[in-house]
């Protein structure tokens, strides 16, 4: 679904940056109680729906996957970067992590009891985001929840040579109302949206949208 060049660029970026990324964000959830609260709400909704396993799409080194597991979710992680998947498996050997694209999962319709896309739509080209959200709807079982997190903005951030690594990548920022409308167009119901002001390590607001697949089409 995503253009092959975008996939290759994203994979190369995170393969090069994986170890430094994992260390840099190792304790980030410990410092963000609101993020933990949102993940807890999602996990509770997924348990209540009881509609299948939860997928953490774009799981990186697995910190959100592991946190959801600690909250009682039947969860597995998927990431495009082989190096990220290797780090996740090493850090959390009791959990499942698969290499793959969140836009092309070999899963049946309605196979998932929940999806978390925690800062993972930020590398999706804008023209392809509606297709990505439509794929999320296909994968979700009726009543299953979806939690999306992303940076707020209208212009992408171009990050070059992070910590000296010879790679670069565009980070797409989104307007919450726009993403909410795309979710609606994809056939998903938005139940909540939240804006968080930037902390000392951030420059822009952060957005969280909690949605679900309706029980009936």
N, C-alpha and C. Protein backbone atom coordinates (compact mmCIF):
# COMPACT_ATOMS: atom_id res chain seq x y z
N UNK A 1 0.84 -1.20 0.00
CA UNK A 1 0.00 0.00 0.00
C UNK A 1 0.87 1.25 0.00
N UNK A 2 1.77 1.37 0.98
CA UNK A 2 2.70 2.49 0.96
C UNK A 2 3.72 2.28 -0.15
N UNK A 3 4.11 3.37 -0.82
CA UNK A 3 5.06 3.26 -1.92
C UNK A 3 6.32 2.56 -1.47
N UNK A 4 6.84 1.64 -2.29
CA UNK A 4 8.05 0.91 -1.91
C UNK A 4 9.21 1.81 -1.52
N UNK A 5 9.37 2.95 -2.19
CA UNK A 5 10.47 3.85 -1.84
C UNK A 5 10.30 4.38 -0.42
N UNK A 6 9.07 4.66 0.00
CA UNK A 6 8.82 5.13 1.36
C UNK A 6 9.13 4.05 2.37
N UNK A 7 8.77 2.81 2.05
CA UNK A 7 9.07 1.71 2.95
C UNK A 7 10.57 1.51 3.09
N UNK A 8 11.28 1.56 1.97
CA UNK A 8 12.72 1.36 2.01
C UNK A 8 13.41 2.46 2.82
N UNK A 9 12.97 3.69 2.61
CA UNK A 9 13.57 4.81 3.33
C UNK A 9 13.32 4.70 4.83
N UNK A 10 12.09 4.37 5.20
CA UNK A 10 11.74 4.24 6.62
C UNK A 10 12.50 3.09 7.26
N UNK A 11 12.58 1.97 6.56
CA UNK A 11 13.29 0.80 7.10
C UNK A 11 14.77 1.12 7.30
N UNK A 12 15.39 1.75 6.31
CA UNK A 12 16.81 2.08 6.41
C UNK A 12 17.08 3.05 7.56
N UNK A 13 16.19 4.02 7.73
CA UNK A 13 16.35 5.01 8.80
C UNK A 13 16.35 4.32 10.16
N UNK A 14 15.35 3.50 10.41
CA UNK A 14 15.24 2.89 11.73
C UNK A 14 16.22 1.74 11.95
N UNK A 15 16.62 1.07 10.89
CA UNK A 15 17.68 0.07 11.05
C UNK A 15 18.97 0.74 11.53
N UNK A 16 19.29 1.90 10.95
CA UNK A 16 20.52 2.61 11.32
C UNK A 16 20.44 3.20 12.72
N UNK A 17 19.25 3.61 13.12
CA UNK A 17 19.05 4.40 14.33
C UNK A 17 18.50 3.56 15.49
N UNK A 18 18.28 2.25 15.28
CA UNK A 18 17.50 1.42 16.20
C UNK A 18 18.05 1.43 17.63
N UNK A 19 19.32 1.13 17.80
CA UNK A 19 19.88 1.01 19.15
C UNK A 19 19.82 2.34 19.88
N UNK A 20 20.18 3.42 19.21
CA UNK A 20 20.13 4.74 19.84
C UNK A 20 18.70 5.15 20.15
N UNK A 21 17.78 4.85 19.25
CA UNK A 21 16.37 5.16 19.47
C UNK A 21 15.85 4.42 20.70
N UNK A 22 16.15 3.13 20.79
CA UNK A 22 15.67 2.33 21.92
C UNK A 22 16.17 2.88 23.24
N UNK A 23 17.42 3.29 23.28
CA UNK A 23 17.98 3.83 24.52
C UNK A 23 17.40 5.21 24.83
N UNK A 24 17.25 6.02 23.81
CA UNK A 24 16.76 7.39 24.02
C UNK A 24 15.35 7.41 24.58
N UNK A 25 14.51 6.48 24.13
CA UNK A 25 13.10 6.48 24.55
C UNK A 25 12.77 5.32 25.51
N UNK A 26 13.78 4.77 26.11
CA UNK A 26 13.60 3.57 26.95
C UNK A 26 12.62 3.79 28.08
N UNK A 27 12.65 4.94 28.73
CA UNK A 27 11.81 5.19 29.91
C UNK A 27 10.75 6.26 29.64
N UNK A 28 10.44 6.51 28.37
CA UNK A 28 9.56 7.63 28.06
C UNK A 28 8.17 7.46 28.67
N UNK A 29 7.64 6.25 28.73
CA UNK A 29 6.31 6.05 29.30
C UNK A 29 6.30 6.32 30.80
N UNK A 30 7.42 6.08 31.45
CA UNK A 30 7.50 6.34 32.88
C UNK A 30 7.31 7.82 33.19
N UNK A 31 7.67 8.68 32.24
CA UNK A 31 7.61 10.12 32.45
C UNK A 31 6.31 10.75 31.96
N UNK A 32 5.39 9.94 31.38
CA UNK A 32 4.19 10.49 30.77
C UNK A 32 2.94 9.76 31.27
N UNK A 33 2.42 10.17 32.42
CA UNK A 33 1.26 9.48 32.99
C UNK A 33 0.02 9.56 32.11
N UNK A 34 -0.14 10.64 31.34
CA UNK A 34 -1.29 10.73 30.47
C UNK A 34 -1.22 9.68 29.36
N UNK A 35 -0.04 9.47 28.80
CA UNK A 35 0.12 8.42 27.80
C UNK A 35 -0.24 7.06 28.38
N UNK A 36 0.21 6.79 29.59
CA UNK A 36 -0.10 5.51 30.24
C UNK A 36 -1.61 5.37 30.47
N UNK A 37 -2.26 6.47 30.83
CA UNK A 37 -3.70 6.42 31.07
C UNK A 37 -4.46 6.09 29.79
N UNK A 38 -4.05 6.67 28.69
CA UNK A 38 -4.70 6.38 27.42
C UNK A 38 -4.49 4.93 27.00
N UNK A 39 -3.29 4.44 27.19
CA UNK A 39 -3.02 3.04 26.87
C UNK A 39 -3.82 2.11 27.78
N UNK A 40 -3.99 2.51 29.04
CA UNK A 40 -4.79 1.70 29.97
C UNK A 40 -6.25 1.67 29.54
N UNK A 41 -6.78 2.81 29.10
CA UNK A 41 -8.15 2.85 28.61
C UNK A 41 -8.32 1.97 27.38
N UNK A 42 -7.35 2.05 26.47
CA UNK A 42 -7.40 1.20 25.28
C UNK A 42 -7.39 -0.28 25.67
N UNK A 43 -6.48 -0.66 26.57
CA UNK A 43 -6.38 -2.07 26.98
C UNK A 43 -7.69 -2.54 27.61
N UNK A 44 -8.31 -1.69 28.41
CA UNK A 44 -9.59 -2.07 29.02
C UNK A 44 -10.67 -2.28 27.95
N UNK A 45 -10.71 -1.40 26.97
CA UNK A 45 -11.68 -1.54 25.89
C UNK A 45 -11.43 -2.82 25.07
N UNK A 46 -10.16 -3.12 24.82
CA UNK A 46 -9.82 -4.33 24.06
C UNK A 46 -10.22 -5.58 24.84
N UNK A 47 -9.97 -5.57 26.16
CA UNK A 47 -10.37 -6.73 26.97
C UNK A 47 -11.89 -6.89 26.98
N UNK A 48 -12.61 -5.77 27.05
CA UNK A 48 -14.08 -5.82 27.08
C UNK A 48 -14.63 -6.33 25.75
N UNK A 49 -14.01 -5.91 24.64
CA UNK A 49 -14.46 -6.38 23.32
C UNK A 49 -14.20 -7.87 23.14
N UNK A 50 -13.05 -8.34 23.69
CA UNK A 50 -12.70 -9.76 23.66
C UNK A 50 -12.86 -10.34 22.25
N UNK A 51 -12.28 -9.63 21.28
CA UNK A 51 -12.53 -9.97 19.88
C UNK A 51 -11.29 -10.49 19.17
N UNK A 52 -10.21 -10.75 19.91
CA UNK A 52 -9.00 -11.24 19.27
C UNK A 52 -7.77 -10.53 19.80
N UNK A 53 -6.61 -10.87 19.29
CA UNK A 53 -5.37 -10.24 19.76
C UNK A 53 -5.27 -8.79 19.33
N UNK A 54 -4.45 -8.05 20.06
CA UNK A 54 -4.19 -6.64 19.77
C UNK A 54 -2.85 -6.53 19.04
N UNK A 55 -2.79 -5.70 18.02
CA UNK A 55 -1.55 -5.47 17.28
C UNK A 55 -1.02 -4.07 17.58
N UNK A 56 0.24 -4.01 17.97
CA UNK A 56 0.96 -2.74 18.13
C UNK A 56 1.74 -2.53 16.84
N UNK A 57 1.19 -1.71 15.95
CA UNK A 57 1.73 -1.57 14.59
C UNK A 57 2.73 -0.43 14.54
N UNK A 58 3.96 -0.77 14.16
CA UNK A 58 5.06 0.17 14.26
C UNK A 58 5.60 0.17 15.68
N UNK A 59 5.84 -1.03 16.19
CA UNK A 59 6.12 -1.22 17.62
C UNK A 59 7.51 -0.77 18.04
N UNK A 60 8.44 -0.56 17.07
CA UNK A 60 9.79 -0.18 17.46
C UNK A 60 10.41 -1.20 18.38
N UNK A 61 11.08 -0.76 19.45
CA UNK A 61 11.75 -1.70 20.36
C UNK A 61 10.82 -2.38 21.35
N UNK A 62 9.51 -2.16 21.21
CA UNK A 62 8.55 -2.96 21.96
C UNK A 62 8.09 -2.41 23.29
N UNK A 63 8.39 -1.16 23.60
CA UNK A 63 8.03 -0.66 24.93
C UNK A 63 6.52 -0.56 25.11
N UNK A 64 5.78 -0.12 24.08
CA UNK A 64 4.32 -0.03 24.19
C UNK A 64 3.71 -1.42 24.19
N UNK A 65 4.25 -2.31 23.37
CA UNK A 65 3.77 -3.70 23.36
C UNK A 65 3.88 -4.30 24.75
N UNK A 66 5.03 -4.15 25.36
CA UNK A 66 5.25 -4.71 26.70
C UNK A 66 4.34 -4.05 27.73
N UNK A 67 4.12 -2.75 27.60
CA UNK A 67 3.24 -2.07 28.54
C UNK A 67 1.81 -2.58 28.41
N UNK A 68 1.33 -2.75 27.19
CA UNK A 68 -0.01 -3.29 26.99
C UNK A 68 -0.13 -4.71 27.55
N UNK A 69 0.91 -5.49 27.38
CA UNK A 69 0.92 -6.84 27.95
C UNK A 69 0.80 -6.78 29.47
N UNK A 70 1.49 -5.83 30.09
CA UNK A 70 1.41 -5.70 31.54
C UNK A 70 0.02 -5.30 32.00
N UNK A 71 -0.77 -4.73 31.10
CA UNK A 71 -2.14 -4.33 31.40
C UNK A 71 -3.15 -5.43 31.09
N UNK A 72 -2.66 -6.59 30.71
CA UNK A 72 -3.54 -7.72 30.47
C UNK A 72 -3.98 -7.92 29.03
N UNK A 73 -3.42 -7.16 28.09
CA UNK A 73 -3.79 -7.30 26.69
C UNK A 73 -3.06 -8.48 26.06
N UNK A 74 -3.76 -9.21 25.20
CA UNK A 74 -3.16 -10.25 24.37
C UNK A 74 -2.59 -9.54 23.15
N UNK A 75 -1.32 -9.20 23.19
CA UNK A 75 -0.77 -8.24 22.23
C UNK A 75 0.48 -8.79 21.55
N UNK A 76 0.67 -8.40 20.30
CA UNK A 76 1.92 -8.67 19.60
C UNK A 76 2.33 -7.41 18.85
N UNK A 77 3.61 -7.31 18.51
CA UNK A 77 4.13 -6.13 17.84
C UNK A 77 4.56 -6.42 16.41
N UNK A 78 4.45 -5.42 15.57
CA UNK A 78 4.89 -5.51 14.18
C UNK A 78 5.70 -4.27 13.86
N UNK A 79 6.85 -4.44 13.21
CA UNK A 79 7.64 -3.29 12.81
C UNK A 79 8.31 -3.56 11.49
N UNK A 80 8.51 -2.49 10.73
CA UNK A 80 9.14 -2.59 9.41
C UNK A 80 10.63 -2.86 9.50
N UNK A 81 11.25 -2.43 10.60
CA UNK A 81 12.70 -2.50 10.73
C UNK A 81 13.16 -3.81 11.36
N UNK A 82 13.94 -4.63 10.67
CA UNK A 82 14.46 -5.86 11.27
C UNK A 82 15.28 -5.60 12.53
N UNK A 83 16.02 -4.49 12.55
CA UNK A 83 16.81 -4.18 13.73
C UNK A 83 15.92 -3.84 14.93
N UNK A 84 14.84 -3.14 14.70
CA UNK A 84 13.90 -2.85 15.78
C UNK A 84 13.27 -4.13 16.30
N UNK A 85 12.88 -5.00 15.40
CA UNK A 85 12.26 -6.28 15.81
C UNK A 85 13.26 -7.09 16.63
N UNK A 86 14.50 -7.12 16.22
CA UNK A 86 15.52 -7.86 16.97
C UNK A 86 15.69 -7.28 18.38
N UNK A 87 15.71 -5.95 18.49
CA UNK A 87 15.82 -5.33 19.81
C UNK A 87 14.61 -5.65 20.67
N UNK A 88 13.42 -5.61 20.08
CA UNK A 88 12.20 -5.91 20.83
C UNK A 88 12.20 -7.34 21.34
N UNK A 89 12.60 -8.26 20.48
CA UNK A 89 12.63 -9.68 20.90
C UNK A 89 13.64 -9.90 22.01
N UNK A 90 14.75 -9.19 21.94
CA UNK A 90 15.79 -9.34 22.96
C UNK A 90 15.32 -8.75 24.30
N UNK A 91 14.66 -7.62 24.23
CA UNK A 91 14.22 -6.94 25.46
C UNK A 91 13.00 -7.61 26.08
N UNK A 92 12.17 -8.24 25.25
CA UNK A 92 10.92 -8.82 25.74
C UNK A 92 10.75 -10.23 25.15
N UNK A 93 11.57 -11.17 25.61
CA UNK A 93 11.60 -12.50 24.98
C UNK A 93 10.30 -13.29 25.10
N UNK A 94 9.43 -12.92 26.01
CA UNK A 94 8.18 -13.65 26.16
C UNK A 94 7.07 -13.17 25.26
N UNK A 95 7.33 -12.14 24.46
CA UNK A 95 6.30 -11.57 23.60
C UNK A 95 6.61 -11.82 22.13
N UNK A 96 5.59 -11.71 21.32
CA UNK A 96 5.73 -11.95 19.88
C UNK A 96 5.97 -10.63 19.15
N UNK A 97 6.98 -10.62 18.29
CA UNK A 97 7.27 -9.47 17.45
C UNK A 97 7.53 -9.98 16.03
N UNK A 98 6.83 -9.37 15.07
CA UNK A 98 6.95 -9.77 13.67
C UNK A 98 7.51 -8.63 12.84
N UNK A 99 8.30 -8.98 11.85
CA UNK A 99 8.76 -7.99 10.88
C UNK A 99 7.71 -7.85 9.78
N UNK A 100 7.33 -6.63 9.46
CA UNK A 100 6.35 -6.43 8.41
C UNK A 100 5.86 -5.01 8.36
N UNK A 101 5.07 -4.71 7.35
CA UNK A 101 4.49 -3.39 7.16
C UNK A 101 3.08 -3.36 7.71
N UNK A 102 2.75 -2.30 8.42
CA UNK A 102 1.40 -2.19 8.98
C UNK A 102 0.35 -2.03 7.90
N UNK A 103 0.78 -1.76 6.68
CA UNK A 103 -0.16 -1.58 5.58
C UNK A 103 -0.38 -2.85 4.77
N UNK A 104 0.30 -3.92 5.13
CA UNK A 104 0.19 -5.15 4.33
C UNK A 104 0.34 -6.37 5.22
N UNK A 105 -0.51 -6.46 6.24
CA UNK A 105 -0.45 -7.60 7.14
C UNK A 105 -1.24 -8.77 6.56
N UNK A 106 -0.65 -9.94 6.65
CA UNK A 106 -1.30 -11.14 6.13
C UNK A 106 -2.25 -11.70 7.19
N UNK A 107 -3.32 -10.96 7.42
CA UNK A 107 -4.32 -11.34 8.41
C UNK A 107 -5.71 -11.26 7.78
N UNK A 108 -6.59 -12.09 8.27
CA UNK A 108 -7.95 -12.12 7.74
C UNK A 108 -8.73 -10.89 8.18
N UNK A 109 -9.80 -10.61 7.46
CA UNK A 109 -10.69 -9.52 7.85
C UNK A 109 -11.18 -9.76 9.28
N UNK A 110 -11.16 -8.72 10.09
CA UNK A 110 -11.69 -8.82 11.45
C UNK A 110 -10.86 -9.66 12.39
N UNK A 111 -9.59 -9.86 12.07
CA UNK A 111 -8.76 -10.77 12.88
C UNK A 111 -8.26 -10.14 14.17
N UNK A 112 -8.32 -8.81 14.28
CA UNK A 112 -7.70 -8.14 15.43
C UNK A 112 -8.75 -7.59 16.39
N UNK A 113 -8.46 -7.76 17.67
CA UNK A 113 -9.32 -7.21 18.72
C UNK A 113 -8.89 -5.83 19.15
N UNK A 114 -7.99 -5.23 18.44
CA UNK A 114 -7.55 -3.87 18.74
C UNK A 114 -6.29 -3.55 17.97
N UNK A 115 -6.08 -2.28 17.67
CA UNK A 115 -4.86 -1.81 17.01
C UNK A 115 -4.38 -0.56 17.73
N UNK A 116 -3.08 -0.53 18.02
CA UNK A 116 -2.41 0.68 18.48
C UNK A 116 -1.44 1.12 17.38
N UNK A 117 -1.58 2.35 16.95
CA UNK A 117 -0.64 2.95 16.00
C UNK A 117 -0.01 4.14 16.72
N UNK A 118 0.98 3.85 17.54
CA UNK A 118 1.58 4.82 18.46
C UNK A 118 2.72 5.54 17.74
N UNK A 119 2.41 6.69 17.16
CA UNK A 119 3.38 7.46 16.38
C UNK A 119 3.91 6.65 15.18
N UNK A 120 3.05 5.84 14.58
CA UNK A 120 3.49 5.06 13.43
C UNK A 120 2.84 5.48 12.12
N UNK A 121 1.82 6.36 12.15
CA UNK A 121 1.31 6.90 10.88
C UNK A 121 2.11 8.11 10.43
N UNK A 122 3.11 8.49 11.22
CA UNK A 122 3.85 9.72 10.92
C UNK A 122 4.78 9.58 9.72
N UNK A 123 4.98 8.37 9.23
CA UNK A 123 5.81 8.18 8.04
C UNK A 123 4.98 7.77 6.83
N UNK A 124 3.66 7.83 6.96
CA UNK A 124 2.78 7.51 5.84
C UNK A 124 2.60 8.73 4.95
N UNK A 125 2.89 8.63 3.67
CA UNK A 125 2.63 9.77 2.77
C UNK A 125 1.17 10.20 2.86
N UNK A 126 0.89 11.49 2.91
CA UNK A 126 -0.48 11.96 3.11
C UNK A 126 -1.51 11.35 2.16
N UNK A 127 -1.15 11.18 0.90
CA UNK A 127 -2.13 10.66 -0.05
C UNK A 127 -2.49 9.20 0.24
N UNK A 128 -1.67 8.52 1.03
CA UNK A 128 -1.91 7.11 1.32
C UNK A 128 -2.55 6.89 2.69
N UNK A 129 -2.66 7.93 3.50
CA UNK A 129 -3.23 7.74 4.83
C UNK A 129 -4.67 7.20 4.79
N UNK A 130 -5.55 7.67 3.89
CA UNK A 130 -6.89 7.07 3.86
C UNK A 130 -6.87 5.56 3.63
N UNK A 131 -5.95 5.08 2.79
CA UNK A 131 -5.86 3.65 2.53
C UNK A 131 -5.36 2.90 3.77
N UNK A 132 -4.44 3.50 4.51
CA UNK A 132 -3.94 2.87 5.73
C UNK A 132 -5.07 2.72 6.75
N UNK A 133 -5.86 3.78 6.92
CA UNK A 133 -6.96 3.72 7.88
C UNK A 133 -8.04 2.74 7.43
N UNK A 134 -8.26 2.63 6.13
CA UNK A 134 -9.20 1.64 5.63
C UNK A 134 -8.69 0.22 5.91
N UNK A 135 -7.38 0.03 5.83
CA UNK A 135 -6.81 -1.27 6.17
C UNK A 135 -6.98 -1.57 7.65
N UNK A 136 -6.82 -0.57 8.50
CA UNK A 136 -7.08 -0.77 9.92
C UNK A 136 -8.51 -1.25 10.13
N UNK A 137 -9.45 -0.63 9.45
CA UNK A 137 -10.85 -1.04 9.61
C UNK A 137 -11.04 -2.48 9.17
N UNK A 138 -10.41 -2.86 8.07
CA UNK A 138 -10.54 -4.24 7.60
C UNK A 138 -10.04 -5.23 8.63
N UNK A 139 -8.95 -4.90 9.28
CA UNK A 139 -8.33 -5.82 10.22
C UNK A 139 -9.07 -5.92 11.55
N UNK A 140 -9.79 -4.86 11.93
CA UNK A 140 -10.45 -4.84 13.23
C UNK A 140 -11.73 -5.66 13.22
N UNK A 141 -11.95 -6.34 14.34
CA UNK A 141 -13.23 -7.01 14.56
C UNK A 141 -14.27 -5.97 14.97
N UNK A 142 -15.56 -6.24 14.77
CA UNK A 142 -16.58 -5.31 15.24
C UNK A 142 -16.43 -5.01 16.72
N UNK A 143 -16.55 -3.74 17.06
CA UNK A 143 -16.44 -3.17 18.42
C UNK A 143 -15.00 -3.07 18.92
N UNK A 144 -14.03 -3.53 18.15
CA UNK A 144 -12.62 -3.46 18.58
C UNK A 144 -12.10 -2.03 18.50
N UNK A 145 -11.24 -1.63 19.46
CA UNK A 145 -10.76 -0.25 19.51
C UNK A 145 -9.49 -0.01 18.69
N UNK A 146 -9.29 1.26 18.35
CA UNK A 146 -8.09 1.73 17.66
C UNK A 146 -7.60 2.97 18.39
N UNK A 147 -6.31 2.98 18.73
CA UNK A 147 -5.70 4.15 19.36
C UNK A 147 -4.55 4.64 18.48
N UNK A 148 -4.63 5.90 18.08
CA UNK A 148 -3.62 6.51 17.22
C UNK A 148 -3.01 7.70 17.96
N UNK A 149 -1.68 7.81 17.91
CA UNK A 149 -0.97 8.96 18.47
C UNK A 149 -0.09 9.56 17.38
N UNK A 150 0.01 10.90 17.38
CA UNK A 150 0.83 11.57 16.37
C UNK A 150 1.11 13.00 16.81
N UNK A 151 2.10 13.62 16.15
CA UNK A 151 2.41 15.02 16.40
C UNK A 151 1.45 15.91 15.60
N UNK A 152 1.15 17.07 16.16
CA UNK A 152 0.21 17.99 15.52
C UNK A 152 0.98 19.01 14.69
N UNK A 153 0.46 19.28 13.49
CA UNK A 153 1.07 20.28 12.64
C UNK A 153 0.55 20.18 11.23
N UNK A 154 1.06 21.04 10.37
CA UNK A 154 0.65 21.05 8.96
C UNK A 154 1.82 20.79 8.02
N UNK A 155 3.04 20.95 8.51
CA UNK A 155 4.22 20.74 7.68
C UNK A 155 5.05 19.59 8.24
N UNK A 156 5.62 18.76 7.37
CA UNK A 156 6.46 17.66 7.86
C UNK A 156 7.77 18.16 8.45
N UNK A 157 8.31 17.36 9.33
CA UNK A 157 9.64 17.60 9.88
C UNK A 157 10.63 16.70 9.16
N UNK A 158 11.68 17.27 8.61
CA UNK A 158 12.72 16.48 7.96
C UNK A 158 13.88 16.31 8.93
N UNK A 159 14.14 15.07 9.31
CA UNK A 159 15.22 14.79 10.25
C UNK A 159 16.37 14.13 9.50
N UNK A 160 17.53 14.77 9.54
CA UNK A 160 18.70 14.28 8.82
C UNK A 160 19.82 13.97 9.79
N UNK A 161 20.49 12.85 9.57
CA UNK A 161 21.66 12.42 10.33
C UNK A 161 21.43 12.44 11.85
N UNK A 162 20.40 11.72 12.33
CA UNK A 162 20.18 11.70 13.78
C UNK A 162 21.36 11.06 14.50
N UNK A 163 21.89 11.78 15.47
CA UNK A 163 23.04 11.32 16.25
C UNK A 163 24.20 10.87 15.35
N UNK A 164 24.32 11.52 14.20
CA UNK A 164 25.43 11.23 13.29
C UNK A 164 25.21 10.10 12.32
N UNK A 165 24.07 9.43 12.38
CA UNK A 165 23.81 8.33 11.44
C UNK A 165 23.51 8.89 10.05
N UNK A 166 24.05 8.31 8.99
CA UNK A 166 23.93 8.87 7.64
C UNK A 166 22.60 8.53 6.97
N UNK A 167 21.49 8.87 7.61
CA UNK A 167 20.16 8.62 7.07
C UNK A 167 19.29 9.84 7.34
N UNK A 168 18.15 9.91 6.64
CA UNK A 168 17.21 11.00 6.86
C UNK A 168 15.80 10.49 6.60
N UNK A 169 14.81 11.23 7.14
CA UNK A 169 13.43 10.78 7.02
C UNK A 169 12.49 11.95 7.27
N UNK A 170 11.34 11.93 6.60
CA UNK A 170 10.29 12.91 6.85
C UNK A 170 9.31 12.38 7.90
N UNK A 171 8.97 13.23 8.85
CA UNK A 171 7.99 12.92 9.88
C UNK A 171 6.75 13.78 9.61
N UNK A 172 5.65 13.15 9.25
CA UNK A 172 4.44 13.89 8.90
C UNK A 172 3.66 14.23 10.16
N UNK A 173 3.32 15.50 10.28
CA UNK A 173 2.45 15.96 11.36
C UNK A 173 1.04 16.13 10.80
N UNK A 174 0.06 15.95 11.66
CA UNK A 174 -1.33 15.93 11.21
C UNK A 174 -2.20 16.83 12.08
N UNK A 175 -3.29 17.28 11.51
CA UNK A 175 -4.31 17.99 12.26
C UNK A 175 -5.34 16.96 12.77
N UNK A 176 -5.66 16.97 14.06
CA UNK A 176 -6.58 15.97 14.60
C UNK A 176 -7.92 15.91 13.88
N UNK A 177 -8.49 17.07 13.53
CA UNK A 177 -9.79 17.06 12.84
C UNK A 177 -9.69 16.35 11.49
N UNK A 178 -8.57 16.54 10.82
CA UNK A 178 -8.38 15.89 9.51
C UNK A 178 -8.30 14.38 9.67
N UNK A 179 -7.51 13.91 10.64
CA UNK A 179 -7.40 12.47 10.85
C UNK A 179 -8.74 11.89 11.30
N UNK A 180 -9.45 12.62 12.16
CA UNK A 180 -10.77 12.16 12.60
C UNK A 180 -11.73 12.01 11.42
N UNK A 181 -11.68 12.96 10.50
CA UNK A 181 -12.54 12.87 9.32
C UNK A 181 -12.15 11.69 8.44
N UNK A 182 -10.87 11.43 8.30
CA UNK A 182 -10.43 10.27 7.52
C UNK A 182 -10.86 8.97 8.19
N UNK A 183 -10.82 8.93 9.51
CA UNK A 183 -11.31 7.75 10.23
C UNK A 183 -12.79 7.54 9.95
N UNK A 184 -13.56 8.62 9.98
CA UNK A 184 -15.00 8.53 9.68
C UNK A 184 -15.22 8.02 8.26
N UNK A 185 -14.45 8.55 7.31
CA UNK A 185 -14.60 8.11 5.93
C UNK A 185 -14.23 6.64 5.76
N UNK A 186 -13.33 6.15 6.62
CA UNK A 186 -12.93 4.75 6.55
C UNK A 186 -13.95 3.83 7.21
N UNK A 187 -14.97 4.40 7.84
CA UNK A 187 -16.00 3.59 8.47
C UNK A 187 -15.74 3.31 9.93
N UNK A 188 -14.92 4.13 10.58
CA UNK A 188 -14.62 3.97 11.99
C UNK A 188 -15.26 5.10 12.79
N UNK A 189 -15.63 4.80 14.02
CA UNK A 189 -16.28 5.78 14.89
C UNK A 189 -15.25 6.35 15.86
N UNK A 190 -15.11 7.66 15.89
CA UNK A 190 -14.19 8.31 16.81
C UNK A 190 -14.92 8.58 18.13
N UNK A 191 -14.41 8.01 19.21
CA UNK A 191 -15.03 8.17 20.52
C UNK A 191 -14.38 9.26 21.35
N UNK A 192 -13.11 9.55 21.12
CA UNK A 192 -12.42 10.55 21.93
C UNK A 192 -11.24 11.08 21.16
N UNK A 193 -10.93 12.35 21.43
CA UNK A 193 -9.72 12.96 20.90
C UNK A 193 -9.13 13.84 21.99
N UNK A 194 -7.82 13.86 22.06
CA UNK A 194 -7.15 14.61 23.12
C UNK A 194 -5.91 15.28 22.56
N UNK A 195 -5.67 16.51 22.97
CA UNK A 195 -4.45 17.24 22.64
C UNK A 195 -3.63 17.42 23.91
N UNK A 196 -2.36 17.11 23.81
CA UNK A 196 -1.46 17.33 24.94
C UNK A 196 -0.43 18.38 24.55
N UNK A 197 -0.19 19.30 25.45
CA UNK A 197 0.81 20.32 25.20
C UNK A 197 2.21 19.70 25.20
N UNK A 198 3.15 20.27 24.45
CA UNK A 198 4.50 19.68 24.39
C UNK A 198 5.19 19.74 25.73
N UNK A 199 5.94 18.67 26.04
CA UNK A 199 6.75 18.68 27.24
C UNK A 199 8.12 19.28 26.91
N UNK A 200 9.05 19.17 27.83
CA UNK A 200 10.35 19.83 27.65
C UNK A 200 11.17 19.25 26.51
N UNK A 201 10.81 18.06 26.03
CA UNK A 201 11.56 17.42 24.94
C UNK A 201 10.87 17.59 23.60
N UNK A 202 9.71 18.24 23.56
CA UNK A 202 8.90 18.33 22.35
C UNK A 202 8.73 19.79 21.91
N UNK A 203 8.38 19.96 20.64
CA UNK A 203 8.20 21.30 20.10
C UNK A 203 6.76 21.59 19.69
N UNK A 204 5.96 20.53 19.53
CA UNK A 204 4.57 20.72 19.08
C UNK A 204 3.63 19.91 19.96
N UNK A 205 2.33 20.21 19.83
CA UNK A 205 1.32 19.43 20.54
C UNK A 205 1.31 17.99 20.05
N UNK A 206 0.83 17.12 20.93
CA UNK A 206 0.68 15.71 20.60
C UNK A 206 -0.82 15.39 20.60
N UNK A 207 -1.25 14.57 19.66
CA UNK A 207 -2.66 14.23 19.53
C UNK A 207 -2.89 12.74 19.70
N UNK A 208 -4.06 12.41 20.26
CA UNK A 208 -4.45 11.02 20.48
C UNK A 208 -5.91 10.88 20.06
N UNK A 209 -6.19 9.93 19.21
CA UNK A 209 -7.56 9.65 18.79
C UNK A 209 -7.90 8.21 19.16
N UNK A 210 -9.02 8.04 19.84
CA UNK A 210 -9.51 6.72 20.21
C UNK A 210 -10.76 6.45 19.39
N UNK A 211 -10.71 5.40 18.58
CA UNK A 211 -11.81 5.06 17.69
C UNK A 211 -12.17 3.59 17.84
N UNK A 212 -13.17 3.17 17.12
CA UNK A 212 -13.55 1.75 17.14
C UNK A 212 -14.26 1.41 15.84
N UNK A 213 -14.27 0.12 15.56
CA UNK A 213 -15.06 -0.35 14.43
C UNK A 213 -16.48 -0.60 14.91
N UNK A 214 -17.48 -0.04 14.24
CA UNK A 214 -18.86 -0.26 14.68
C UNK A 214 -19.25 -1.74 14.67
N UNK A 215 -20.22 -2.07 15.50
CA UNK A 215 -20.68 -3.47 15.54
C UNK A 215 -21.36 -3.87 14.25
N UNK A 216 -22.02 -2.91 13.60
CA UNK A 216 -22.70 -3.19 12.34
C UNK A 216 -22.20 -2.22 11.27
N UNK A 217 -22.11 -2.68 10.01
CA UNK A 217 -21.65 -1.80 8.94
C UNK A 217 -22.51 -0.56 8.81
